[in-house]
Protein backbone atom coordinates (compact mmCIF):
# COMPACT_ATOMS: atom_id res chain seq x y z
CA MET A 1 -312.13 -36.95 -162.89
CA PRO A 2 -309.14 -39.17 -163.81
CA GLN A 3 -308.13 -41.66 -161.12
CA ALA A 4 -304.65 -42.40 -159.76
CA ALA A 5 -303.04 -44.21 -156.85
CA VAL A 6 -299.89 -43.86 -154.75
CA ALA A 7 -298.03 -46.28 -152.49
CA ILE A 8 -296.80 -45.32 -149.01
CA VAL A 9 -294.31 -48.08 -148.23
CA ARG A 10 -293.18 -48.06 -144.61
CA ALA A 11 -290.21 -50.10 -143.39
CA ARG A 12 -290.13 -50.91 -139.67
CA ALA A 13 -286.37 -51.54 -139.26
CA PRO A 14 -283.68 -50.46 -138.59
CA GLU A 15 -285.86 -47.40 -137.89
CA PRO A 16 -289.23 -46.36 -139.32
CA ARG A 17 -288.71 -45.07 -142.86
CA PHE A 18 -290.82 -44.69 -145.98
CA LEU A 19 -290.01 -44.87 -149.67
CA LEU A 20 -289.84 -41.57 -151.54
CA MET A 21 -288.83 -40.92 -155.13
CA ARG A 22 -287.77 -37.85 -157.04
CA ARG A 23 -289.48 -37.71 -160.41
CA ALA A 24 -287.48 -37.41 -163.59
CA GLU A 25 -287.33 -34.00 -165.28
CA ARG A 26 -289.89 -34.12 -168.10
CA GLU A 27 -291.34 -31.25 -170.10
CA GLY A 28 -295.08 -30.93 -169.68
CA ASP A 29 -295.16 -32.99 -166.47
CA SER A 30 -296.80 -31.02 -163.65
CA TRP A 31 -294.70 -32.95 -161.11
CA SER A 32 -291.42 -32.91 -163.03
CA GLY A 33 -288.46 -33.07 -160.62
CA HIS A 34 -290.70 -33.27 -157.54
CA TRP A 35 -290.21 -35.55 -154.59
CA SER A 36 -293.26 -37.80 -154.52
CA LEU A 37 -294.62 -41.17 -153.56
CA PRO A 38 -294.49 -43.95 -156.16
CA GLY A 39 -297.72 -43.85 -158.10
CA GLY A 40 -299.56 -42.71 -161.18
CA ARG A 41 -302.75 -42.83 -163.19
CA ARG A 42 -304.90 -45.93 -163.45
CA ASP A 43 -304.47 -47.98 -166.62
CA GLU A 44 -307.34 -49.79 -168.30
CA ALA A 45 -305.62 -53.10 -167.53
CA ASP A 46 -305.56 -52.39 -163.76
CA SER A 47 -308.20 -54.41 -161.93
CA ASP A 48 -308.56 -51.66 -159.30
CA LEU A 49 -306.65 -48.76 -157.77
CA LEU A 50 -304.69 -51.05 -155.45
CA ASP A 51 -303.46 -52.79 -158.59
CA THR A 52 -302.47 -49.36 -159.94
CA ALA A 53 -300.41 -48.57 -156.84
CA LEU A 54 -298.61 -51.93 -156.95
CA ARG A 55 -297.89 -51.63 -160.67
CA GLU A 56 -296.53 -48.08 -160.40
CA LEU A 57 -294.38 -49.07 -157.41
CA ARG A 58 -292.91 -51.92 -159.44
CA GLU A 59 -292.39 -49.88 -162.61
CA GLU A 60 -290.99 -46.72 -161.01
CA CYS A 61 -288.90 -48.10 -158.14
CA GLY A 62 -288.42 -51.79 -158.92
CA VAL A 63 -290.13 -52.79 -155.65
CA GLN A 64 -292.43 -55.81 -155.90
CA LEU A 65 -295.14 -56.13 -153.25
CA GLN A 66 -298.30 -58.21 -152.97
CA ARG A 67 -301.88 -57.13 -152.37
CA GLU A 68 -301.80 -58.86 -148.98
CA GLN A 69 -299.08 -56.46 -147.79
CA MET A 70 -301.43 -53.48 -147.97
CA CYS A 71 -302.33 -52.51 -144.40
CA ALA A 72 -304.46 -49.39 -144.93
CA ALA A 73 -306.35 -47.54 -147.62
CA LEU A 74 -306.39 -43.82 -146.85
CA PRO A 75 -309.19 -41.46 -147.94
CA GLN A 76 -308.93 -40.42 -151.56
CA ALA A 77 -307.62 -36.90 -152.16
CA ILE A 78 -307.67 -34.47 -155.07
CA ALA A 79 -304.29 -33.64 -156.58
CA ARG A 80 -304.41 -30.20 -158.16
CA ARG A 81 -301.95 -29.27 -160.87
CA ARG A 82 -301.09 -26.19 -162.90
CA SER A 83 -302.14 -27.72 -166.24
CA GLY A 84 -304.44 -30.57 -167.18
CA PRO A 85 -307.31 -32.06 -165.18
CA PHE A 86 -307.14 -32.62 -161.46
CA LEU A 87 -306.62 -36.22 -160.31
CA LEU A 88 -308.52 -38.22 -157.70
CA VAL A 89 -305.75 -40.09 -155.89
CA ALA A 90 -306.14 -43.22 -153.76
CA PRO A 91 -303.27 -43.66 -151.24
CA PHE A 92 -302.44 -47.17 -150.01
CA VAL A 93 -300.14 -47.91 -147.05
CA PHE A 94 -297.88 -50.97 -147.11
CA GLU A 95 -295.63 -52.22 -144.30
CA VAL A 96 -292.43 -54.22 -144.77
CA GLU A 97 -289.99 -55.46 -142.15
CA THR A 98 -286.85 -53.82 -143.56
CA GLU A 99 -285.92 -51.48 -146.38
CA LEU A 100 -286.14 -53.12 -149.80
CA PRO A 101 -283.66 -52.39 -152.60
CA ALA A 102 -285.10 -49.67 -154.84
CA VAL A 103 -283.98 -49.54 -158.47
CA PRO A 104 -285.62 -46.46 -160.03
CA ASP A 105 -286.52 -46.49 -163.71
CA ALA A 106 -284.53 -43.56 -165.14
CA ARG A 107 -287.45 -42.70 -167.44
CA GLU A 108 -289.70 -42.20 -164.41
CA ALA A 109 -287.49 -41.36 -161.44
CA ALA A 110 -284.19 -39.58 -160.86
CA ALA A 111 -283.76 -41.08 -157.38
CA ALA A 112 -285.43 -43.24 -154.75
CA VAL A 113 -284.64 -43.02 -151.02
CA TRP A 114 -285.88 -44.44 -147.74
CA LEU A 115 -286.55 -41.29 -145.71
CA PRO A 116 -286.71 -41.55 -141.89
CA LEU A 117 -290.16 -40.76 -140.53
CA ARG A 118 -288.48 -38.60 -137.89
CA THR A 119 -287.65 -36.15 -140.71
CA LEU A 120 -291.36 -35.47 -141.20
CA LEU A 121 -292.14 -35.52 -137.49
CA ASP A 122 -289.45 -32.95 -136.62
CA PRO A 123 -291.11 -29.49 -136.40
CA ASN A 124 -287.80 -27.83 -137.26
CA ARG A 125 -287.86 -29.39 -140.74
CA HIS A 126 -291.17 -27.72 -141.67
CA SER A 127 -291.39 -24.15 -142.97
CA PHE A 128 -292.91 -22.01 -145.69
CA GLN A 129 -290.46 -22.10 -148.60
CA ARG A 130 -289.99 -20.96 -152.18
CA VAL A 131 -290.27 -23.76 -154.73
CA PRO A 132 -288.96 -24.00 -158.31
CA GLY A 133 -291.24 -22.69 -161.02
CA PHE A 134 -293.10 -20.16 -158.86
CA PRO A 135 -292.45 -16.45 -158.23
CA ALA A 136 -290.17 -15.52 -155.33
CA GLU A 137 -293.12 -13.97 -153.46
CA THR A 138 -294.98 -17.31 -153.35
CA LEU A 139 -294.37 -19.71 -150.46
CA PHE A 140 -295.56 -23.27 -149.84
CA PRO A 141 -295.31 -25.51 -146.77
CA ALA A 142 -292.32 -27.74 -147.41
CA ILE A 143 -289.40 -29.76 -146.08
CA ALA A 144 -285.96 -29.15 -147.57
CA LEU A 145 -284.51 -32.25 -149.25
CA PRO A 146 -281.55 -32.70 -151.63
CA GLY A 147 -282.24 -31.25 -155.06
CA ALA A 148 -285.76 -29.99 -154.37
CA PRO A 149 -288.13 -29.43 -151.45
CA LEU A 150 -290.83 -31.89 -150.50
CA TRP A 151 -294.00 -29.84 -151.00
CA GLY A 152 -297.41 -29.76 -152.66
CA PHE A 153 -299.71 -32.76 -152.84
CA THR A 154 -297.17 -35.23 -151.44
CA TYR A 155 -296.35 -32.98 -148.46
CA ARG A 156 -300.04 -32.54 -147.70
CA LEU A 157 -300.81 -36.25 -148.05
CA LEU A 158 -297.96 -37.26 -145.73
CA ALA A 159 -298.88 -34.55 -143.21
CA ASP A 160 -302.43 -35.92 -143.10
CA TRP A 161 -301.21 -39.52 -142.82
CA LEU A 162 -298.93 -38.71 -139.88
CA GLU A 163 -301.57 -36.41 -138.35
CA ILE A 164 -299.26 -33.41 -138.54
CA ALA A 165 -301.93 -31.32 -140.26
CA PRO A 166 -304.64 -29.79 -138.04
CA ARG A 167 -308.02 -31.52 -138.00
CA GLU A 168 -309.98 -28.24 -138.09
CA CYS A 169 -309.03 -27.09 -141.58
CA ALA A 170 -310.88 -23.76 -141.65
CA LYS A 171 -309.56 -22.64 -138.26
CA ALA A 172 -305.99 -23.53 -139.27
CA GLY A 173 -306.00 -21.21 -142.28
CA PHE A 174 -307.46 -18.38 -140.22
CA ASP A 175 -304.77 -18.91 -137.57
CA VAL A 176 -302.08 -18.35 -140.22
CA ALA A 177 -303.85 -15.25 -141.55
CA GLU A 178 -304.22 -13.83 -138.03
CA ASN A 179 -300.55 -14.52 -137.28
CA ILE A 180 -299.50 -12.57 -140.38
CA LEU A 181 -301.87 -9.71 -139.58
CA SER A 182 -300.50 -9.52 -136.02
CA PHE A 183 -296.95 -9.47 -137.38
CA LEU A 184 -297.80 -6.55 -139.69
CA LEU A 185 -299.29 -4.60 -136.79
CA SER A 186 -296.16 -5.29 -134.72
CA GLN A 187 -294.15 -3.71 -137.55
CA GLY A 188 -295.98 -0.39 -137.17
CA LEU A 189 -298.87 -0.81 -139.61
CA THR A 190 -302.36 0.03 -138.35
CA LEU A 191 -305.56 -1.92 -138.82
CA ARG A 192 -307.94 -0.05 -141.11
CA ARG A 193 -310.61 -2.75 -141.33
CA SER A 194 -310.85 -6.15 -139.65
CA TRP A 195 -311.82 -9.41 -141.33
CA ARG A 196 -315.02 -9.43 -143.36
CA ALA A 197 -316.42 -11.89 -145.87
CA GLN A 198 -316.51 -10.98 -149.53
CA ALA A 199 -318.50 -12.99 -152.06
CA PRO A 200 -316.42 -15.13 -154.47
CA GLN A 201 -315.50 -13.20 -157.60
CA ASP A 202 -314.56 -16.34 -159.57
CA SER A 203 -317.37 -18.69 -160.64
CA ASN A 204 -315.07 -21.65 -159.87
CA GLU A 205 -314.78 -20.63 -156.20
CA SER A 206 -317.42 -21.66 -153.68
CA GLU A 207 -315.84 -20.30 -150.50
CA PRO A 208 -315.98 -16.59 -149.55
CA LEU A 209 -312.85 -14.48 -149.56
CA TRP A 210 -312.02 -13.05 -146.12
CA VAL A 211 -310.49 -9.58 -146.36
CA ALA A 212 -308.68 -7.35 -143.85
CA GLU A 213 -307.08 -3.97 -144.58
CA VAL A 214 -304.05 -2.23 -143.07
CA SER A 215 -302.61 1.27 -143.46
CA GLY A 216 -299.00 1.57 -144.53
CA PRO A 217 -296.79 -0.33 -146.98
CA ILE A 218 -296.23 -4.04 -146.44
CA GLN A 219 -292.54 -4.86 -146.01
CA ALA A 220 -292.64 -8.00 -148.13
CA ASP A 221 -289.09 -9.12 -147.32
CA ALA A 222 -289.77 -8.92 -143.58
CA VAL A 223 -292.97 -10.95 -143.97
CA LEU A 224 -291.20 -13.59 -146.07
CA GLU A 225 -288.48 -13.88 -143.43
CA HIS A 226 -291.10 -14.17 -140.67
CA LEU A 227 -292.89 -16.96 -142.52
CA SER A 228 -289.69 -18.89 -143.19
CA SER A 229 -289.17 -19.64 -139.49
CA PRO A 230 -289.43 -23.41 -138.85
CA GLY A 231 -292.39 -25.03 -137.15
CA LEU A 232 -295.55 -27.03 -137.72
CA HIS A 233 -297.47 -23.79 -138.35
CA ALA A 234 -296.38 -24.37 -141.95
CA ALA A 235 -298.78 -27.32 -142.15
CA LYS A 236 -301.73 -24.98 -141.52
CA ALA A 237 -301.95 -23.43 -145.00
CA ASN A 238 -301.52 -24.52 -148.60
CA ARG A 239 -299.90 -21.41 -150.07
CA ILE A 240 -299.07 -17.76 -149.29
CA ASP A 241 -298.47 -14.95 -151.80
CA VAL A 242 -296.68 -11.87 -150.41
CA THR A 243 -296.39 -8.51 -152.23
CA PRO A 244 -295.99 -4.91 -151.00
CA LYS A 245 -299.69 -4.33 -151.74
CA SER A 246 -301.29 -7.50 -150.39
CA ILE A 247 -300.85 -10.92 -148.80
CA ARG A 248 -303.07 -13.81 -149.86
CA ILE A 249 -303.32 -16.96 -147.75
CA TYR A 250 -304.80 -20.19 -149.14
CA GLY A 251 -306.19 -22.35 -146.33
CA LEU A 252 -306.35 -26.13 -146.10
CA ALA A 253 -309.92 -26.16 -147.44
CA PHE A 254 -308.75 -23.78 -150.21
CA GLU A 255 -310.58 -20.91 -148.54
CA GLN A 256 -308.72 -17.63 -149.00
CA TYR A 257 -307.71 -14.73 -146.77
CA LEU A 258 -306.50 -11.42 -148.19
CA ILE A 259 -304.68 -8.65 -146.32
CA ARG A 260 -304.68 -5.41 -148.33
CA ALA A 261 -302.47 -2.39 -147.76
């Protein structure tokens, strides 16, 4: 699996902030236009992944740091994308006293900002949202920012770093699925069959699919509105697809829950 690294640069004053960049719009780039952390794939010339993070930070945002300023190496995480191979990403945390001038390379980044940590820690900023490039019935946990939401791999990585995401991944996904099922029943639908495990139908899936069935049509718009309410419940799932016939919830461990009408 290809390797990559990202830099989480935290400034202590005048208030805790971290450096975030919005990627340039580029055809064929899975993260085109996304808000993300400075970072990228490891080059052959990089001595290690820390070197990769420092180089990408310098090239993309014009911020020069030293290896000694790294204060933590977070667990590596897999970045999934719609096309091309997945990436194994090594996140490194750096601390600086004050915000440093960021000069984004226009070929790599459309903008670079120092975002207050309180933005991520505020439950009212988190919700399930639509994101560009996906159908209107698909929602992701996200935070609204200028130009595009903060979502996907970067959202998940930051939620883990700040311990916003639940520690019990499997239970978190089931909590979201149960909440949606309870909402459907409150709307007048009846439970035809409770949760049961179904063997994976795709050879690439290792986790079972948990299925529940209800009687009556799913009011997709009402469900989408229910899910869009703010709160840290959004950090409990990776994705939700809502249609009049079914609702599919992707948990934090990429286990899946399906509610069929």
